[in-house]
């Protein structure tokens, strides 16, 4: 049976867990966990993402705050803002919404965040903790994928996982997290030779390369678990028809919105071969905010242990 790995029930479970743990933190220290998002400039997509995070915080009992800074803010001013948040005991988690304006380098900004408040998991210390097996924060999307696989009963230990895409946000941390779960991991990228043959070896295939419909049935062995991380807007009717032949709902979406959201996997052709597969939308994307909430609560729990003296 070819089954869908839907993100909604897992995302709801993650949020419920975050709400319960946030309530315990608030009861223990007299204040809820606190998350501050820094938004630089007026990128429309970033504004939508930050608003969704703020709404999710309110729903689970986390004090969420968004600091909106103008696009012409200097790096020094942004770093000073992060320093202030680092020293504020009411703030447990700090995230800087990416991308930053083209004139500002992200590296020094992300490195300025206190690693114990780095709920996005992008600080070099967080990366080092991940790869050395220490406690720390991992980026929300790959962490959410691992939670989905665990909670859906997908075997991990001893499985061959192939990750296609080597970004710092998904591909690399995904490989590290799967290694932690005792998978044998192959990390592929745009210069990998004979990509199709390597992908066909996978028990678990993770597509995170940002190319709509790139991975087809020739990349997938029968019965493999396929995780599609891609979120691509396409506005080409011919491409949409190739990826979703005869899909009237997709056609209507393209006609009304001017685009349709598709993944990195050629879903219609891969689904018959896969043992399980995530849809786009409705799959991995729903997990990201839930994991961010859990990371924030974990940060608050750890900090509460030092901020509150034992009774």
C-alpha atoms as a PDB file:
ATOM      1  CA  UNK A   1       0.000   0.000   0.000  1.00  0.00           C
ATOM      2  CA  UNK A   2       1.379   3.428  -0.976  1.00  0.00           C
ATOM      3  CA  UNK A   3       0.670   5.760   1.907  1.00  0.00           C
ATOM      4  CA  UNK A   4       0.923   9.488   2.474  1.00  0.00           C
ATOM      5  CA  UNK A   5       3.017  10.834   5.328  1.00  0.00           C
ATOM      6  CA  UNK A   6       0.786  13.775   6.196  1.00  0.00           C
ATOM      7  CA  UNK A   7       2.294  16.562   8.258  1.00  0.00           C
ATOM      8  CA  UNK A   8      -0.873  17.827   9.942  1.00  0.00           C
ATOM      9  CA  UNK A   9      -1.324  15.195  12.699  1.00  0.00           C
ATOM     10  CA  UNK A  10       2.387  15.300  13.585  1.00  0.00           C
ATOM     11  CA  UNK A  11       2.369  19.108  13.619  1.00  0.00           C
ATOM     12  CA  UNK A  12      -0.647  19.100  15.926  1.00  0.00           C
ATOM     13  CA  UNK A  13       1.077  16.666  18.278  1.00  0.00           C
ATOM     14  CA  UNK A  14       4.187  18.864  18.358  1.00  0.00           C
ATOM     15  CA  UNK A  15       2.133  21.950  19.163  1.00  0.00           C
ATOM     16  CA  UNK A  16       0.198  20.152  21.888  1.00  0.00           C
ATOM     17  CA  UNK A  17       3.447  19.032  23.478  1.00  0.00           C
ATOM     18  CA  UNK A  18       4.841  22.563  23.254  1.00  0.00           C
ATOM     19  CA  UNK A  19       1.709  23.964  24.917  1.00  0.00           C
ATOM     20  CA  UNK A  20       1.875  21.502  27.818  1.00  0.00           C
ATOM     21  CA  UNK A  21       5.561  22.135  28.438  1.00  0.00           C
ATOM     22  CA  UNK A  22       5.181  25.915  28.072  1.00  0.00           C
ATOM     23  CA  UNK A  23       2.477  25.837  30.738  1.00  0.00           C
ATOM     24  CA  UNK A  24       4.809  24.020  33.134  1.00  0.00           C
ATOM     25  CA  UNK A  25       7.559  26.567  32.499  1.00  0.00           C
ATOM     26  CA  UNK A  26       5.178  29.448  33.192  1.00  0.00           C
ATOM     27  CA  UNK A  27       3.959  27.818  36.391  1.00  0.00           C
ATOM     28  CA  UNK A  28       7.489  27.163  37.584  1.00  0.00           C
ATOM     29  CA  UNK A  29       9.053  30.556  36.994  1.00  0.00           C
ATOM     30  CA  UNK A  30       6.040  32.860  36.809  1.00  0.00           C
ATOM     31  CA  UNK A  31       6.573  33.804  33.155  1.00  0.00           C
ATOM     32  CA  UNK A  32       6.003  31.948  29.884  1.00  0.00           C
ATOM     33  CA  UNK A  33       8.777  31.050  27.458  1.00  0.00           C
ATOM     34  CA  UNK A  34       9.743  34.037  25.331  1.00  0.00           C
ATOM     35  CA  UNK A  35      10.641  34.097  21.636  1.00  0.00           C
ATOM     36  CA  UNK A  36      11.761  37.200  19.734  1.00  0.00           C
ATOM     37  CA  UNK A  37      11.904  37.246  15.948  1.00  0.00           C
ATOM     38  CA  UNK A  38      13.928  39.959  14.233  1.00  0.00           C
ATOM     39  CA  UNK A  39      12.650  41.007  10.823  1.00  0.00           C
ATOM     40  CA  UNK A  40      14.905  43.276   8.765  1.00  0.00           C
ATOM     41  CA  UNK A  41      13.288  45.013   5.821  1.00  0.00           C
ATOM     42  CA  UNK A  42       9.917  44.375   4.212  1.00  0.00           C
ATOM     43  CA  UNK A  43      10.301  41.124   2.275  1.00  0.00           C
ATOM     44  CA  UNK A  44       6.677  39.935   1.789  1.00  0.00           C
ATOM     45  CA  UNK A  45       7.407  36.233   2.270  1.00  0.00           C
ATOM     46  CA  UNK A  46       9.408  36.912   5.431  1.00  0.00           C
ATOM     47  CA  UNK A  47       6.553  38.977   6.842  1.00  0.00           C
ATOM     48  CA  UNK A  48       4.159  36.089   6.264  1.00  0.00           C
ATOM     49  CA  UNK A  49       6.519  33.588   7.912  1.00  0.00           C
ATOM     50  CA  UNK A  50       7.099  35.784  10.963  1.00  0.00           C
ATOM     51  CA  UNK A  51       3.372  36.458  11.364  1.00  0.00           C
ATOM     52  CA  UNK A  52       2.638  32.716  11.291  1.00  0.00           C
ATOM     53  CA  UNK A  53       5.269  32.116  13.971  1.00  0.00           C
ATOM     54  CA  UNK A  54       3.815  34.861  16.184  1.00  0.00           C
ATOM     55  CA  UNK A  55       0.325  33.396  15.817  1.00  0.00           C
ATOM     56  CA  UNK A  56       1.590  29.921  16.685  1.00  0.00           C
ATOM     57  CA  UNK A  57       3.360  31.247  19.793  1.00  0.00           C
ATOM     58  CA  UNK A  58       0.146  32.798  21.080  1.00  0.00           C
ATOM     59  CA  UNK A  59      -1.741  29.547  20.517  1.00  0.00           C
ATOM     60  CA  UNK A  60       0.620  27.470  22.693  1.00  0.00           C
ATOM     61  CA  UNK A  61       1.335  29.941  25.492  1.00  0.00           C
ATOM     62  CA  UNK A  62       4.702  31.316  24.355  1.00  0.00           C
ATOM     63  CA  UNK A  63       5.269  35.062  24.558  1.00  0.00           C
ATOM     64  CA  UNK A  64       6.130  35.907  20.967  1.00  0.00           C
ATOM     65  CA  UNK A  65       7.483  39.277  19.891  1.00  0.00           C
ATOM     66  CA  UNK A  66       8.572  40.596  16.495  1.00  0.00           C
ATOM     67  CA  UNK A  67      11.155  43.355  16.189  1.00  0.00           C
ATOM     68  CA  UNK A  68      10.827  45.025  12.799  1.00  0.00           C
ATOM     69  CA  UNK A  69      13.927  46.886  11.674  1.00  0.00           C
ATOM     70  CA  UNK A  70      14.257  48.983   8.506  1.00  0.00           C
ATOM     71  CA  UNK A  71      16.132  47.586   5.525  1.00  0.00           C
ATOM     72  CA  UNK A  72      18.809  50.266   5.917  1.00  0.00           C
ATOM     73  CA  UNK A  73      19.662  49.296   9.509  1.00  0.00           C
ATOM     74  CA  UNK A  74      23.401  48.910   9.944  1.00  0.00           C
ATOM     75  CA  UNK A  75      25.046  45.656  10.933  1.00  0.00           C
ATOM     76  CA  UNK A  76      26.303  47.356  14.100  1.00  0.00           C
ATOM     77  CA  UNK A  77      22.750  48.344  15.053  1.00  0.00           C
ATOM     78  CA  UNK A  78      21.455  44.840  14.415  1.00  0.00           C
ATOM     79  CA  UNK A  79      24.247  43.284  16.468  1.00  0.00           C
ATOM     80  CA  UNK A  80      23.485  45.710  19.310  1.00  0.00           C
ATOM     81  CA  UNK A  81      19.852  44.585  19.221  1.00  0.00           C
ATOM     82  CA  UNK A  82      20.926  40.944  19.457  1.00  0.00           C
ATOM     83  CA  UNK A  83      23.271  41.779  22.372  1.00  0.00           C
ATOM     84  CA  UNK A  84      20.346  43.333  24.239  1.00  0.00           C
ATOM     85  CA  UNK A  85      18.189  40.261  23.685  1.00  0.00           C
ATOM     86  CA  UNK A  86      21.022  37.950  24.715  1.00  0.00           C
ATOM     87  CA  UNK A  87      21.159  39.672  28.112  1.00  0.00           C
ATOM     88  CA  UNK A  88      17.376  39.789  28.623  1.00  0.00           C
ATOM     89  CA  UNK A  89      16.277  36.966  30.941  1.00  0.00           C
ATOM     90  CA  UNK A  90      12.718  37.228  29.630  1.00  0.00           C
ATOM     91  CA  UNK A  91      13.916  36.072  26.198  1.00  0.00           C
ATOM     92  CA  UNK A  92      14.567  32.348  25.787  1.00  0.00           C
ATOM     93  CA  UNK A  93      14.784  32.160  22.007  1.00  0.00           C
ATOM     94  CA  UNK A  94      16.067  34.533  19.328  1.00  0.00           C
ATOM     95  CA  UNK A  95      15.677  34.082  15.596  1.00  0.00           C
ATOM     96  CA  UNK A  96      16.710  36.334  12.767  1.00  0.00           C
ATOM     97  CA  UNK A  97      14.413  35.894   9.803  1.00  0.00           C
ATOM     98  CA  UNK A  98      16.344  35.149   6.636  1.00  0.00           C
ATOM     99  CA  UNK A  99      17.103  36.361   4.043  1.00  0.00           C
ATOM    100  CA  UNK A 100      18.693  39.573   5.274  1.00  0.00           C
ATOM    101  CA  UNK A 101      19.082  42.529   2.894  1.00  0.00           C
ATOM    102  CA  UNK A 102      21.725  41.854   0.211  1.00  0.00           C
ATOM    103  CA  UNK A 103      24.116  44.361   1.768  1.00  0.00           C
ATOM    104  CA  UNK A 104      24.236  42.489   5.093  1.00  0.00           C
ATOM    105  CA  UNK A 105      26.146  39.240   5.662  1.00  0.00           C
ATOM    106  CA  UNK A 106      24.178  36.664   7.622  1.00  0.00           C
ATOM    107  CA  UNK A 107      27.172  34.892   9.175  1.00  0.00           C
ATOM    108  CA  UNK A 108      28.264  37.535  11.721  1.00  0.00           C
ATOM    109  CA  UNK A 109      24.633  38.192  12.628  1.00  0.00           C
ATOM    110  CA  UNK A 110      23.769  34.560  13.349  1.00  0.00           C
ATOM    111  CA  UNK A 111      27.041  34.062  15.231  1.00  0.00           C
ATOM    112  CA  UNK A 112      26.116  36.918  17.586  1.00  0.00           C
ATOM    113  CA  UNK A 113      23.116  35.021  19.004  1.00  0.00           C
ATOM    114  CA  UNK A 114      23.715  33.287  22.324  1.00  0.00           C
ATOM    115  CA  UNK A 115      23.906  29.558  21.384  1.00  0.00           C
ATOM    116  CA  UNK A 116      21.605  28.762  24.305  1.00  0.00           C
ATOM    117  CA  UNK A 117      18.969  31.006  22.697  1.00  0.00           C
ATOM    118  CA  UNK A 118      19.660  29.865  19.123  1.00  0.00           C
ATOM    119  CA  UNK A 119      16.334  28.110  18.548  1.00  0.00           C
ATOM    120  CA  UNK A 120      16.890  28.133  14.769  1.00  0.00           C
ATOM    121  CA  UNK A 121      20.007  25.995  15.218  1.00  0.00           C
ATOM    122  CA  UNK A 122      22.170  28.036  12.818  1.00  0.00           C
ATOM    123  CA  UNK A 123      24.949  29.168  15.177  1.00  0.00           C
ATOM    124  CA  UNK A 124      28.309  27.409  14.604  1.00  0.00           C
ATOM    125  CA  UNK A 125      28.163  26.149  18.188  1.00  0.00           C
ATOM    126  CA  UNK A 126      24.750  24.581  17.506  1.00  0.00           C
ATOM    127  CA  UNK A 127      26.135  22.990  14.339  1.00  0.00           C
ATOM    128  CA  UNK A 128      29.105  21.620  16.278  1.00  0.00           C
ATOM    129  CA  UNK A 129      26.847  20.234  18.994  1.00  0.00           C
ATOM    130  CA  UNK A 130      24.735  18.469  16.385  1.00  0.00           C
ATOM    131  CA  UNK A 131      27.672  16.768  14.698  1.00  0.00           C
ATOM    132  CA  UNK A 132      29.430  15.887  17.959  1.00  0.00           C
ATOM    133  CA  UNK A 133      26.303  14.340  19.456  1.00  0.00           C
ATOM    134  CA  UNK A 134      25.871  16.934  22.214  1.00  0.00           C
ATOM    135  CA  UNK A 135      22.643  18.512  23.383  1.00  0.00           C
ATOM    136  CA  UNK A 136      21.704  21.562  21.354  1.00  0.00           C
ATOM    137  CA  UNK A 137      19.271  22.930  18.815  1.00  0.00           C
ATOM    138  CA  UNK A 138      18.868  21.620  15.282  1.00  0.00           C
ATOM    139  CA  UNK A 139      17.163  23.537  12.462  1.00  0.00           C
ATOM    140  CA  UNK A 140      13.426  23.076  12.660  1.00  0.00           C
ATOM    141  CA  UNK A 141      12.738  21.533   9.249  1.00  0.00           C
ATOM    142  CA  UNK A 142      15.117  18.537   9.438  1.00  0.00           C
ATOM    143  CA  UNK A 143      14.306  18.067  13.129  1.00  0.00           C
ATOM    144  CA  UNK A 144      10.621  17.961  12.222  1.00  0.00           C
ATOM    145  CA  UNK A 145      11.280  15.345   9.549  1.00  0.00           C
ATOM    146  CA  UNK A 146      12.968  13.073  12.082  1.00  0.00           C
ATOM    147  CA  UNK A 147       9.993  13.502  14.426  1.00  0.00           C
ATOM    148  CA  UNK A 148       7.631  12.622  11.573  1.00  0.00           C
ATOM    149  CA  UNK A 149       9.551   9.463  10.734  1.00  0.00           C
ATOM    150  CA  UNK A 150       9.742   8.384  14.382  1.00  0.00           C
ATOM    151  CA  UNK A 151       6.116   9.064  15.186  1.00  0.00           C
ATOM    152  CA  UNK A 152       4.926   7.403  11.992  1.00  0.00           C
ATOM    153  CA  UNK A 153       6.837   4.244  12.848  1.00  0.00           C
ATOM    154  CA  UNK A 154       9.318   4.402   9.958  1.00  0.00           C
ATOM    155  CA  UNK A 155      12.379   2.266  10.849  1.00  0.00           C
ATOM    156  CA  UNK A 156      15.568   4.325  10.978  1.00  0.00           C
ATOM    157  CA  UNK A 157      18.408   2.346  12.542  1.00  0.00           C
ATOM    158  CA  UNK A 158      20.446   0.573   9.889  1.00  0.00           C
ATOM    159  CA  UNK A 159      18.542   2.111   6.977  1.00  0.00           C
ATOM    160  CA  UNK A 160      20.335   3.750   4.060  1.00  0.00           C
ATOM    161  CA  UNK A 161      19.249   7.370   3.846  1.00  0.00           C
ATOM    162  CA  UNK A 162      20.131   9.480   0.834  1.00  0.00           C
ATOM    163  CA  UNK A 163      19.816  13.253   1.205  1.00  0.00           C
ATOM    164  CA  UNK A 164      19.791  15.276  -2.013  1.00  0.00           C
ATOM    165  CA  UNK A 165      20.819  18.852  -1.245  1.00  0.00           C
ATOM    166  CA  UNK A 166      23.599  20.186   0.985  1.00  0.00           C
ATOM    167  CA  UNK A 167      22.253  23.477   2.348  1.00  0.00           C
ATOM    168  CA  UNK A 168      23.094  24.554   5.889  1.00  0.00           C
ATOM    169  CA  UNK A 169      19.396  24.878   6.646  1.00  0.00           C
ATOM    170  CA  UNK A 170      18.189  21.407   5.570  1.00  0.00           C
ATOM    171  CA  UNK A 171      20.608  19.086   3.778  1.00  0.00           C
ATOM    172  CA  UNK A 172      23.620  19.098   6.095  1.00  0.00           C
ATOM    173  CA  UNK A 173      21.691  19.035   9.408  1.00  0.00           C
ATOM    174  CA  UNK A 174      19.364  16.395   7.943  1.00  0.00           C
ATOM    175  CA  UNK A 175      22.374  14.155   7.346  1.00  0.00           C
ATOM    176  CA  UNK A 176      23.627  14.763  10.880  1.00  0.00           C
ATOM    177  CA  UNK A 177      20.273  13.987  12.481  1.00  0.00           C
ATOM    178  CA  UNK A 178      19.846  10.786  10.471  1.00  0.00           C
ATOM    179  CA  UNK A 179      23.330   9.676  11.535  1.00  0.00           C
ATOM    180  CA  UNK A 180      22.203  10.184  15.121  1.00  0.00           C
ATOM    181  CA  UNK A 181      19.355   7.793  14.392  1.00  0.00           C
ATOM    182  CA  UNK A 182      21.934   5.193  13.245  1.00  0.00           C
ATOM    183  CA  UNK A 183      21.145   5.484   9.540  1.00  0.00           C
ATOM    184  CA  UNK A 184      23.842   5.003   6.942  1.00  0.00           C
ATOM    185  CA  UNK A 185      23.792   8.389   5.211  1.00  0.00           C
ATOM    186  CA  UNK A 186      24.817   9.507   1.727  1.00  0.00           C
ATOM    187  CA  UNK A 187      24.739  13.275   1.108  1.00  0.00           C
ATOM    188  CA  UNK A 188      24.358  14.206  -2.575  1.00  0.00           C
ATOM    189  CA  UNK A 189      24.441  17.517  -4.422  1.00  0.00           C
ATOM    190  CA  UNK A 190      24.527  19.102  -7.870  1.00  0.00           C
ATOM    191  CA  UNK A 191      27.942  17.634  -8.723  1.00  0.00           C
ATOM    192  CA  UNK A 192      27.239  14.076  -7.610  1.00  0.00           C
ATOM    193  CA  UNK A 193      28.012  11.569 -10.351  1.00  0.00           C
ATOM    194  CA  UNK A 194      25.268   9.102 -11.316  1.00  0.00           C
ATOM    195  CA  UNK A 195      22.729  10.635  -8.940  1.00  0.00           C
ATOM    196  CA  UNK A 196      19.939   8.360 -10.140  1.00  0.00           C
ATOM    197  CA  UNK A 197      21.838   5.183  -9.217  1.00  0.00           C
ATOM    198  CA  UNK A 198      22.756   6.500  -5.764  1.00  0.00           C
ATOM    199  CA  UNK A 199      19.188   7.596  -5.037  1.00  0.00           C
ATOM    200  CA  UNK A 200      17.871   4.157  -6.021  1.00  0.00           C
ATOM    201  CA  UNK A 201      19.924   2.658  -3.173  1.00  0.00           C
ATOM    202  CA  UNK A 202      17.949   4.627  -0.588  1.00  0.00           C
ATOM    203  CA  UNK A 203      15.563   3.151   1.931  1.00  0.00           C
ATOM    204  CA  UNK A 204      14.815   6.768   2.888  1.00  0.00           C
ATOM    205  CA  UNK A 205      15.180   9.451   0.199  1.00  0.00           C
ATOM    206  CA  UNK A 206      15.109  13.124   1.227  1.00  0.00           C
ATOM    207  CA  UNK A 207      14.738  15.690  -1.556  1.00  0.00           C
ATOM    208  CA  UNK A 208      15.927  19.158  -0.538  1.00  0.00           C
ATOM    209  CA  UNK A 209      17.445  20.755  -3.625  1.00  0.00           C
ATOM    210  CA  UNK A 210      14.931  23.448  -4.583  1.00  0.00           C
ATOM    211  CA  UNK A 211      14.127  22.263  -8.123  1.00  0.00           C
ATOM    212  CA  UNK A 212      10.457  21.572  -8.901  1.00  0.00           C
ATOM    213  CA  UNK A 213       9.710  17.965  -9.780  1.00  0.00           C
ATOM    214  CA  UNK A 214      13.396  17.116 -10.248  1.00  0.00           C
ATOM    215  CA  UNK A 215      13.400  13.662  -8.641  1.00  0.00           C
ATOM    216  CA  UNK A 216      11.381  11.219 -10.697  1.00  0.00           C
ATOM    217  CA  UNK A 217      10.627   7.481 -10.616  1.00  0.00           C
ATOM    218  CA  UNK A 218      14.083   6.756 -12.029  1.00  0.00           C
ATOM    219  CA  UNK A 219      15.525   8.016  -8.727  1.00  0.00           C
ATOM    220  CA  UNK A 220      13.373   5.815  -6.474  1.00  0.00           C
ATOM    221  CA  UNK A 221      13.482   2.123  -5.706  1.00  0.00           C
ATOM    222  CA  UNK A 222      10.256   0.265  -5.035  1.00  0.00           C
ATOM    223  CA  UNK A 223       9.060   0.686  -1.470  1.00  0.00           C
ATOM    224  CA  UNK A 224      11.361   3.567  -0.498  1.00  0.00           C
ATOM    225  CA  UNK A 225      10.226   6.281   1.919  1.00  0.00           C
ATOM    226  CA  UNK A 226      10.349   9.611   0.066  1.00  0.00           C
ATOM    227  CA  UNK A 227      10.502  12.898   1.977  1.00  0.00           C
ATOM    228  CA  UNK A 228       9.932  16.002  -0.145  1.00  0.00           C
ATOM    229  CA  UNK A 229      11.257  19.192   1.451  1.00  0.00           C
ATOM    230  CA  UNK A 230      10.827  21.355  -1.649  1.00  0.00           C
ATOM    231  CA  UNK A 231       8.503  24.355  -1.689  1.00  0.00           C
ATOM    232  CA  UNK A 232       8.524  25.795  -5.194  1.00  0.00           C
ATOM    233  CA  UNK A 233       6.134  28.250  -6.783  1.00  0.00           C
ATOM    234  CA  UNK A 234       5.507  27.476 -10.436  1.00  0.00           C
ATOM    235  CA  UNK A 235       3.463  29.551 -12.871  1.00  0.00           C
ATOM    236  CA  UNK A 236       4.031  27.544 -16.053  1.00  0.00           C
ATOM    237  CA  UNK A 237       0.848  25.677 -17.084  1.00  0.00           C
ATOM    238  CA  UNK A 238       2.840  23.172 -19.173  1.00  0.00           C
ATOM    239  CA  UNK A 239       5.125  22.286 -16.247  1.00  0.00           C
ATOM    240  CA  UNK A 240       2.154  21.981 -13.915  1.00  0.00           C
ATOM    241  CA  UNK A 241       0.399  19.643 -16.339  1.00  0.00           C
ATOM    242  CA  UNK A 242       3.530  17.512 -16.646  1.00  0.00           C
ATOM    243  CA  UNK A 243       3.879  17.194 -12.871  1.00  0.00           C
ATOM    244  CA  UNK A 244       0.158  16.846 -12.105  1.00  0.00           C
ATOM    245  CA  UNK A 245      -1.575  15.609 -15.276  1.00  0.00           C
ATOM    246  CA  UNK A 246      -5.317  16.143 -15.219  1.00  0.00           C
ATOM    247  CA  UNK A 247      -5.308  17.725 -11.742  1.00  0.00           C
ATOM    248  CA  UNK A 248      -8.217  20.169 -11.942  1.00  0.00           C
ATOM    249  CA  UNK A 249      -7.616  21.537  -8.443  1.00  0.00           C
ATOM    250  CA  UNK A 250      -4.061  22.482  -9.376  1.00  0.00           C
ATOM    251  CA  UNK A 251      -5.244  24.084 -12.602  1.00  0.00           C
ATOM    252  CA  UNK A 252      -7.815  26.127 -10.696  1.00  0.00           C
ATOM    253  CA  UNK A 253      -5.183  27.226  -8.197  1.00  0.00           C
ATOM    254  CA  UNK A 254      -2.918  28.390 -11.001  1.00  0.00           C
ATOM    255  CA  UNK A 255      -5.777  30.272 -12.606  1.00  0.00           C
ATOM    256  CA  UNK A 256      -6.844  32.067  -9.409  1.00  0.00           C
ATOM    257  CA  UNK A 257      -3.519  32.631  -7.642  1.00  0.00           C
ATOM    258  CA  UNK A 258      -1.184  32.700 -10.594  1.00  0.00           C
ATOM    259  CA  UNK A 259       0.977  29.914  -9.178  1.00  0.00           C
ATOM    260  CA  UNK A 260       0.904  26.481  -7.583  1.00  0.00           C
ATOM    261  CA  UNK A 261       3.157  25.130  -4.836  1.00  0.00           C
ATOM    262  CA  UNK A 262       5.025  21.949  -5.778  1.00  0.00           C
ATOM    263  CA  UNK A 263       7.852  19.949  -4.280  1.00  0.00           C
ATOM    264  CA  UNK A 264      11.201  18.687  -5.535  1.00  0.00           C
ATOM    265  CA  UNK A 265       9.678  15.276  -6.303  1.00  0.00           C
ATOM    266  CA  UNK A 266       7.606  14.411  -9.374  1.00  0.00           C
ATOM    267  CA  UNK A 267       4.814  13.300  -7.066  1.00  0.00           C
ATOM    268  CA  UNK A 268       2.369  11.787  -9.558  1.00  0.00           C
ATOM    269  CA  UNK A 269       5.006   9.473 -11.022  1.00  0.00           C
ATOM    270  CA  UNK A 270       6.919   8.683  -7.840  1.00  0.00           C
ATOM    271  CA  UNK A 271       3.968   7.880  -5.576  1.00  0.00           C
ATOM    272  CA  UNK A 272       3.199   4.522  -7.271  1.00  0.00           C
ATOM    273  CA  UNK A 273       6.753   3.330  -6.512  1.00  0.00           C
ATOM    274  CA  UNK A 274       7.202   4.758  -3.009  1.00  0.00           C
ATOM    275  CA  UNK A 275       6.254   2.850   0.109  1.00  0.00           C
ATOM    276  CA  UNK A 276       5.444   6.184   1.739  1.00  0.00           C
ATOM    277  CA  UNK A 277       5.713   9.764   0.534  1.00  0.00           C
ATOM    278  CA  UNK A 278       5.092  13.291   1.817  1.00  0.00           C
ATOM    279  CA  UNK A 279       2.823  15.556  -0.236  1.00  0.00           C
ATOM    280  CA  UNK A 280       3.492  19.205  -1.070  1.00  0.00           C
ATOM    281  CA  UNK A 281       1.773  21.101   0.352  1.00  0.00           C
ATOM    282  CA  UNK A 282       0.551  19.292   3.448  1.00  0.00           C
ATOM    283  CA  UNK A 283       3.738  17.447   4.361  1.00  0.00           C
ATOM    284  CA  UNK A 284       7.055  18.630   5.778  1.00  0.00           C
ATOM    285  CA  UNK A 285       6.203  22.338   5.700  1.00  0.00           C
ATOM    286  CA  UNK A 286       3.635  21.974   8.477  1.00  0.00           C
ATOM    287  CA  UNK A 287       6.241  20.598  10.891  1.00  0.00           C
ATOM    288  CA  UNK A 288       8.685  23.501  10.876  1.00  0.00           C
ATOM    289  CA  UNK A 289       6.816  25.907  13.133  1.00  0.00           C
ATOM    290  CA  UNK A 290       5.946  23.114  15.577  1.00  0.00           C
ATOM    291  CA  UNK A 291       9.616  22.230  15.995  1.00  0.00           C
ATOM    292  CA  UNK A 292      10.517  25.896  16.434  1.00  0.00           C
ATOM    293  CA  UNK A 293       7.981  26.112  19.266  1.00  0.00           C
ATOM    294  CA  UNK A 294       9.432  23.008  20.899  1.00  0.00           C
ATOM    295  CA  UNK A 295      12.952  24.380  20.568  1.00  0.00           C
ATOM    296  CA  UNK A 296      11.822  27.576  22.308  1.00  0.00           C
ATOM    297  CA  UNK A 297      10.260  25.634  25.160  1.00  0.00           C
ATOM    298  CA  UNK A 298      13.391  23.495  25.488  1.00  0.00           C
ATOM    299  CA  UNK A 299      15.476  26.663  25.695  1.00  0.00           C
ATOM    300  CA  UNK A 300      13.198  27.982  28.429  1.00  0.00           C
ATOM    301  CA  UNK A 301      13.362  24.699  30.346  1.00  0.00           C
ATOM    302  CA  UNK A 302      17.155  24.710  30.285  1.00  0.00           C
ATOM    303  CA  UNK A 303      17.440  28.346  31.251  1.00  0.00           C
ATOM    304  CA  UNK A 304      14.879  27.929  34.022  1.00  0.00           C
ATOM    305  CA  UNK A 305      17.121  25.328  35.608  1.00  0.00           C
ATOM    306  CA  UNK A 306      19.792  28.021  36.063  1.00  0.00           C
ATOM    307  CA  UNK A 307      17.555  31.043  36.571  1.00  0.00           C
ATOM    308  CA  UNK A 308      15.442  29.441  39.295  1.00  0.00           C
ATOM    309  CA  UNK A 309      17.037  28.188  42.468  1.00  0.00           C
ATOM    310  CA  UNK A 310      15.875  24.729  43.599  1.00  0.00           C
ATOM    311  CA  UNK A 311      13.318  24.816  46.412  1.00  0.00           C
END
